[in-house]
């Protein structure tokens, strides 16, 4: 393939760098297809036959790696699990540029999934490669988690439209993706966090603009009891993310009033409020054991839905299914 044709293909290639790459209609399409794949997995076992996907991991992973690797196998594709560390890691881990890596991988595989620290690595792979790139987590975004969350909310509550989700904790990558998925799914999203741990200002501004256009609401509130009033979903994440271990004591102290307890669940004023967590969970820190393991917790359904949402996403990006 000539360089000119490669540039044309690269310009046409779809990515999931963040949820900003999806319109509301496309977001619904991913969730709709995820539900179809979950209900009838046998219908898609050869949909990506003959295709290979490079999966680059710079961070530890349980749900992300397993759900992508198993999901691609179930679609007939070959997942190639790669690391950027250790004696068997990729050359990218010892100085090869992201641009060169993108160009080389694009000659071998049909797609790239990457779980890493900097968003610039995801964006660089998308810019310099000619195959779809999926953000499987960065310090800024976690879009695959948010898509699985939308499927879970729809299953549990019938719809995302008109629902209120309250994220409790630091304004991190999960909070950012939930803020962006709200306007794309007809859902209000409120982040309850300390003033010193607010979401990224640029992400929040974009989420608010999208919400204004969609007729939904995105807000940040420091008073957690005020924030959770009328919530249909209460969501939290670990207080200490990967790479923040040195700040652990400080973060735990700042967030000490933001534990999701039975009292906080009751403060919603709704008997049907569900509890969600992207995992791994630390009982006694961000959530009490009573809530985490209680009847309103849907965290393990949510974890399973990573598989189905990501299968749908890969089908769409690798042209095993249509966006329309």
Protein backbone atom coordinates (compact mmCIF):
# COMPACT_ATOMS: atom_id res chain seq x y z
CA UNK A 1 0.00 0.00 0.00
CA UNK A 2 1.41 3.38 -1.00
CA UNK A 3 2.05 6.19 1.49
CA UNK A 4 -0.68 8.28 -0.13
CA UNK A 5 -3.31 5.56 0.24
CA UNK A 6 -2.23 4.99 3.84
CA UNK A 7 -2.81 8.67 4.60
CA UNK A 8 -6.30 8.44 3.12
CA UNK A 9 -7.11 5.37 5.25
CA UNK A 10 -5.70 7.07 8.34
CA UNK A 11 -7.94 10.09 7.78
CA UNK A 12 -11.00 7.82 7.52
CA UNK A 13 -10.15 5.65 10.54
CA UNK A 14 -12.40 5.82 13.61
CA UNK A 15 -10.92 5.79 17.11
CA UNK A 16 -12.06 5.86 20.72
CA UNK A 17 -9.53 8.21 22.27
CA UNK A 18 -12.27 9.47 24.58
CA UNK A 19 -16.05 9.74 24.45
CA UNK A 20 -15.54 12.96 22.50
CA UNK A 21 -15.06 10.64 19.52
CA UNK A 22 -18.71 9.53 19.78
CA UNK A 23 -21.89 11.46 19.06
CA UNK A 24 -24.97 10.78 21.20
CA UNK A 25 -26.37 8.59 18.41
CA UNK A 26 -23.13 6.62 18.17
CA UNK A 27 -23.00 6.21 21.93
CA UNK A 28 -26.50 4.72 21.86
CA UNK A 29 -25.43 2.47 18.97
CA UNK A 30 -22.57 1.03 21.00
CA UNK A 31 -24.87 0.32 23.95
CA UNK A 32 -27.60 -1.13 21.73
CA UNK A 33 -25.12 -3.43 20.02
CA UNK A 34 -23.60 -4.43 23.36
CA UNK A 35 -27.04 -5.58 24.51
CA UNK A 36 -27.45 -7.57 21.28
CA UNK A 37 -24.02 -9.18 21.64
CA UNK A 38 -24.74 -10.06 25.26
CA UNK A 39 -28.08 -11.63 24.37
CA UNK A 40 -26.83 -13.54 21.29
CA UNK A 41 -23.06 -14.02 21.51
CA UNK A 42 -23.11 -16.92 19.08
CA UNK A 43 -24.19 -14.63 16.25
CA UNK A 44 -20.84 -12.81 16.32
CA UNK A 45 -18.28 -15.59 16.75
CA UNK A 46 -16.78 -15.07 13.29
CA UNK A 47 -17.46 -11.35 12.87
CA UNK A 48 -13.77 -10.38 13.22
CA UNK A 49 -12.25 -13.61 11.92
CA UNK A 50 -8.78 -13.12 10.48
CA UNK A 51 -8.15 -9.83 12.29
CA UNK A 52 -5.48 -9.13 14.90
CA UNK A 53 -5.45 -6.49 17.63
CA UNK A 54 -2.37 -5.27 19.51
CA UNK A 55 -3.10 -4.68 23.21
CA UNK A 56 -0.47 -2.50 24.89
CA UNK A 57 -0.35 -2.41 28.69
CA UNK A 58 1.76 0.08 30.63
CA UNK A 59 -0.45 -0.27 33.72
CA UNK A 60 -1.61 -3.25 35.73
CA UNK A 61 -4.96 -4.64 34.64
CA UNK A 62 -7.55 -7.23 35.58
CA UNK A 63 -10.93 -6.37 34.04
CA UNK A 64 -9.57 -4.44 31.05
CA UNK A 65 -7.10 -7.07 29.89
CA UNK A 66 -9.35 -10.06 30.47
CA UNK A 67 -12.46 -8.50 28.92
CA UNK A 68 -10.63 -7.32 25.81
CA UNK A 69 -8.63 -10.53 25.36
CA UNK A 70 -11.61 -12.83 25.88
CA UNK A 71 -13.95 -10.57 23.92
CA UNK A 72 -11.70 -10.43 20.85
CA UNK A 73 -11.26 -14.21 20.98
CA UNK A 74 -15.05 -14.64 21.13
CA UNK A 75 -15.36 -12.47 18.00
CA UNK A 76 -12.85 -14.60 16.10
CA UNK A 77 -9.98 -12.11 16.31
CA UNK A 78 -6.42 -12.62 17.55
CA UNK A 79 -5.53 -10.49 20.62
CA UNK A 80 -1.80 -9.81 21.05
CA UNK A 81 -1.05 -8.79 24.64
CA UNK A 82 2.02 -6.55 24.77
CA UNK A 83 3.83 -4.82 27.63
CA UNK A 84 6.05 -1.75 27.73
CA UNK A 85 8.07 -3.02 30.71
CA UNK A 86 10.33 -5.92 31.62
CA UNK A 87 12.78 -7.93 29.55
CA UNK A 88 10.05 -9.05 27.13
CA UNK A 89 8.43 -5.64 26.76
CA UNK A 90 7.98 -3.60 23.59
CA UNK A 91 10.70 -1.29 22.33
CA UNK A 92 8.34 1.61 23.10
CA UNK A 93 9.21 0.96 26.74
CA UNK A 94 12.88 1.72 26.10
CA UNK A 95 12.73 4.72 23.82
CA UNK A 96 11.11 3.89 20.48
CA UNK A 97 8.77 6.76 19.66
CA UNK A 98 5.00 6.50 19.74
CA UNK A 99 4.93 7.64 16.11
CA UNK A 100 7.27 4.86 14.96
CA UNK A 101 5.36 2.30 17.03
CA UNK A 102 2.07 3.41 15.45
CA UNK A 103 3.45 3.13 11.92
CA UNK A 104 4.95 -0.31 12.53
CA UNK A 105 1.90 -1.77 14.29
CA UNK A 106 -0.36 -0.47 11.52
CA UNK A 107 1.53 -2.73 9.09
CA UNK A 108 0.85 -5.80 11.25
CA UNK A 109 -2.51 -5.47 12.99
CA UNK A 110 -6.05 -4.22 12.40
CA UNK A 111 -6.42 -2.27 15.64
CA UNK A 112 -4.59 -1.08 18.75
CA UNK A 113 -5.86 -1.07 22.34
CA UNK A 114 -3.71 0.77 24.88
CA UNK A 115 -3.87 1.15 28.66
CA UNK A 116 -1.30 3.71 29.77
CA UNK A 117 -0.61 6.86 31.76
CA UNK A 118 -0.51 9.77 29.33
CA UNK A 119 -3.34 10.65 26.97
CA UNK A 120 -0.66 11.88 24.56
CA UNK A 121 0.33 8.25 23.84
CA UNK A 122 -3.23 7.37 22.78
CA UNK A 123 -3.49 10.51 20.66
CA UNK A 124 -0.06 9.89 19.14
CA UNK A 125 -0.91 6.35 18.10
CA UNK A 126 -4.13 7.60 16.50
CA UNK A 127 -2.34 10.47 14.73
CA UNK A 128 0.52 8.46 13.27
CA UNK A 129 -1.12 5.07 12.70
CA UNK A 130 -3.68 3.97 10.14
CA UNK A 131 -5.75 1.55 12.25
CA UNK A 132 -8.36 2.17 14.98
CA UNK A 133 -6.95 3.04 18.40
CA UNK A 134 -8.91 2.41 21.61
CA UNK A 135 -8.18 4.12 24.90
CA UNK A 136 -8.43 1.33 27.48
CA UNK A 137 -7.54 3.82 30.26
CA UNK A 138 -5.32 6.84 30.68
CA UNK A 139 -4.88 9.24 33.58
CA UNK A 140 -7.37 11.55 31.84
CA UNK A 141 -10.11 9.25 30.50
CA UNK A 142 -11.63 5.78 30.89
CA UNK A 143 -14.19 5.64 28.04
CA UNK A 144 -14.60 1.86 27.84
CA UNK A 145 -15.65 1.79 31.48
CA UNK A 146 -18.24 4.49 30.86
CA UNK A 147 -19.77 2.57 27.95
CA UNK A 148 -20.12 -0.53 30.13
CA UNK A 149 -21.67 1.68 32.82
CA UNK A 150 -24.32 2.93 30.39
CA UNK A 151 -25.25 -0.66 29.50
CA UNK A 152 -25.49 -1.52 33.21
CA UNK A 153 -27.69 1.47 34.04
CA UNK A 154 -30.00 0.66 31.16
CA UNK A 155 -30.30 -2.95 32.29
CA UNK A 156 -30.96 -1.99 35.90
CA UNK A 157 -33.14 1.10 35.49
CA UNK A 158 -34.67 0.58 32.04
CA UNK A 159 -33.04 3.63 30.49
CA UNK A 160 -30.36 6.23 31.03
CA UNK A 161 -32.56 9.08 29.85
CA UNK A 162 -33.69 11.38 32.63
CA UNK A 163 -31.63 9.55 35.26
CA UNK A 164 -29.27 11.22 37.74
CA UNK A 165 -25.84 9.73 38.40
CA UNK A 166 -23.73 11.06 41.28
CA UNK A 167 -20.04 10.24 41.27
CA UNK A 168 -18.53 10.48 44.77
CA UNK A 169 -14.78 10.97 45.12
CA UNK A 170 -11.83 12.62 43.38
CA UNK A 171 -12.39 14.12 39.94
CA UNK A 172 -10.35 11.51 38.09
CA UNK A 173 -10.38 9.71 34.73
CA UNK A 174 -13.58 7.81 35.57
CA UNK A 175 -15.33 11.01 36.65
CA UNK A 176 -14.24 12.70 33.42
CA UNK A 177 -15.69 9.94 31.25
CA UNK A 178 -18.93 9.86 33.23
CA UNK A 179 -19.27 13.64 32.81
CA UNK A 180 -18.88 13.22 29.05
CA UNK A 181 -21.23 10.24 28.80
CA UNK A 182 -24.05 12.06 30.59
CA UNK A 183 -24.97 14.40 27.71
CA UNK A 184 -24.48 11.53 25.25
CA UNK A 185 -27.03 9.37 27.07
CA UNK A 186 -29.64 11.86 28.32
CA UNK A 187 -28.40 11.58 31.89
CA UNK A 188 -27.55 14.20 34.53
CA UNK A 189 -24.11 13.72 36.11
CA UNK A 190 -23.01 15.32 39.37
CA UNK A 191 -19.50 14.97 40.80
CA UNK A 192 -19.35 15.21 44.60
CA UNK A 193 -15.75 15.94 45.53
CA UNK A 194 -13.52 18.11 47.72
CA UNK A 195 -12.68 21.50 46.22
CA UNK A 196 -9.01 20.48 45.92
CA UNK A 197 -9.86 17.38 43.86
CA UNK A 198 -12.20 18.86 41.24
CA UNK A 199 -12.35 17.37 37.73
CA UNK A 200 -10.08 18.72 35.01
CA UNK A 201 -11.36 22.20 34.10
CA UNK A 202 -11.15 21.67 30.34
CA UNK A 203 -13.06 18.38 30.52
CA UNK A 204 -15.68 19.93 32.81
CA UNK A 205 -16.18 22.91 30.51
CA UNK A 206 -16.70 20.61 27.53
CA UNK A 207 -19.10 18.38 29.48
CA UNK A 208 -21.14 21.41 30.55
CA UNK A 209 -21.29 22.70 26.98
CA UNK A 210 -22.42 19.29 25.73
CA UNK A 211 -24.99 19.10 28.54
CA UNK A 212 -26.40 22.51 27.65
CA UNK A 213 -26.83 21.39 24.04
CA UNK A 214 -28.40 18.08 25.09
CA UNK A 215 -30.69 19.49 27.77
CA UNK A 216 -28.97 17.60 30.59
CA UNK A 217 -26.92 18.76 33.58
CA UNK A 218 -23.29 18.41 34.62
CA UNK A 219 -22.30 19.83 38.01
CA UNK A 220 -19.64 19.70 40.72
CA UNK A 221 -20.77 19.94 44.36
CA UNK A 222 -18.60 19.67 47.48
CA UNK A 223 -21.47 18.80 49.86
CA UNK A 224 -21.92 15.08 49.26
CA UNK A 225 -25.30 14.84 51.02
CA UNK A 226 -26.68 17.66 48.89
CA UNK A 227 -25.22 16.10 45.75
CA UNK A 228 -26.87 12.69 46.18
CA UNK A 229 -30.45 13.95 46.60
CA UNK A 230 -32.74 12.21 44.09
CA UNK A 231 -29.84 10.19 42.65
CA UNK A 232 -30.71 7.09 40.68
CA UNK A 233 -27.09 5.94 40.71
CA UNK A 234 -24.32 6.50 43.23
CA UNK A 235 -20.90 5.71 41.79
CA UNK A 236 -17.43 5.73 43.32
CA UNK A 237 -13.87 4.71 42.56
CA UNK A 238 -10.77 3.88 44.56
CA UNK A 239 -9.32 6.92 46.30
CA UNK A 240 -5.73 6.11 45.32
CA UNK A 241 -5.25 5.50 41.61
CA UNK A 242 -2.24 3.80 40.01
CA UNK A 243 0.72 6.17 40.14
CA UNK A 244 -0.58 8.02 43.22
CA UNK A 245 0.76 5.66 45.88
CA UNK A 246 3.08 8.29 47.36
CA UNK A 247 0.07 10.58 47.87
CA UNK A 248 -2.09 7.88 49.45
CA UNK A 249 -2.17 9.19 53.01
CA UNK A 250 -2.96 12.72 51.87
CA UNK A 251 -5.72 11.59 49.50
CA UNK A 252 -7.36 9.36 52.10
CA UNK A 253 -7.39 12.25 54.58
CA UNK A 254 -8.90 14.70 52.07
CA UNK A 255 -11.59 12.20 51.01
CA UNK A 256 -12.43 10.91 54.50
CA UNK A 257 -15.93 12.40 54.40
CA UNK A 258 -16.78 10.92 51.01
CA UNK A 259 -17.24 7.24 51.85
CA UNK A 260 -20.39 5.73 50.32
CA UNK A 261 -22.27 4.28 53.28
CA UNK A 262 -25.79 3.01 53.87
CA UNK A 263 -26.57 6.44 55.32
CA UNK A 264 -25.45 8.14 52.10
CA UNK A 265 -27.45 5.70 49.98
CA UNK A 266 -30.52 6.52 52.08
CA UNK A 267 -29.88 10.26 51.58
CA UNK A 268 -30.92 9.94 47.94
CA UNK A 269 -34.53 9.63 49.10
CA UNK A 270 -35.07 6.86 46.54
CA UNK A 271 -35.51 3.19 47.39
CA UNK A 272 -34.33 2.09 43.96
CA UNK A 273 -30.95 3.85 43.87
CA UNK A 274 -28.20 1.51 42.69
CA UNK A 275 -24.53 1.49 43.66
CA UNK A 276 -21.75 1.24 41.06
CA UNK A 277 -17.97 0.97 41.29
CA UNK A 278 -15.47 0.44 38.46
CA UNK A 279 -13.26 -1.73 40.75
CA UNK A 280 -10.94 -2.62 42.37
CA UNK A 281 -12.77 -1.68 45.58
CA UNK A 282 -11.30 -0.92 49.00
CA UNK A 283 -13.99 -1.65 51.57
CA UNK A 284 -13.81 0.78 54.45
CA UNK A 285 -12.31 3.57 52.33
CA UNK A 286 -14.40 4.78 49.39
CA UNK A 287 -17.27 2.38 50.16
CA UNK A 288 -18.49 0.45 53.18
CA UNK A 289 -18.68 -3.33 53.00
CA UNK A 290 -22.44 -3.12 53.66
CA UNK A 291 -22.98 -1.11 50.47
CA UNK A 292 -20.41 -2.88 48.33
CA UNK A 293 -21.84 -6.31 49.13
CA UNK A 294 -25.43 -5.21 49.66
CA UNK A 295 -28.58 -5.67 47.58
CA UNK A 296 -28.29 -2.32 45.77
CA UNK A 297 -24.77 -3.03 44.51
CA UNK A 298 -24.53 -3.94 40.81
CA UNK A 299 -20.74 -3.80 40.61
CA UNK A 300 -20.22 -7.34 39.32
CA UNK A 301 -22.88 -6.96 36.60
CA UNK A 302 -21.06 -3.74 35.74
CA UNK A 303 -17.71 -5.57 35.58
CA UNK A 304 -19.16 -8.25 33.29
CA UNK A 305 -20.54 -5.59 30.97
CA UNK A 306 -17.01 -4.46 30.17
CA UNK A 307 -16.85 -7.60 28.02
CA UNK A 308 -20.05 -6.92 26.10
CA UNK A 309 -19.55 -3.17 25.62
CA UNK A 310 -16.00 -3.66 24.36
CA UNK A 311 -17.05 -6.42 21.98
CA UNK A 312 -19.62 -4.02 20.52
CA UNK A 313 -17.04 -1.26 20.25
CA UNK A 314 -14.51 -3.48 18.48
CA UNK A 315 -17.17 -4.76 16.10
CA UNK A 316 -17.98 -1.18 15.10
CA UNK A 317 -14.41 0.10 14.86
CA UNK A 318 -13.11 -2.97 12.99
CA UNK A 319 -16.13 -3.01 10.65
CA UNK A 320 -17.67 -6.20 11.94
CA UNK A 321 -20.90 -4.26 12.39
CA UNK A 322 -22.40 -1.06 11.01
CA UNK A 323 -22.71 2.24 12.88
CA UNK A 324 -26.22 2.68 11.45
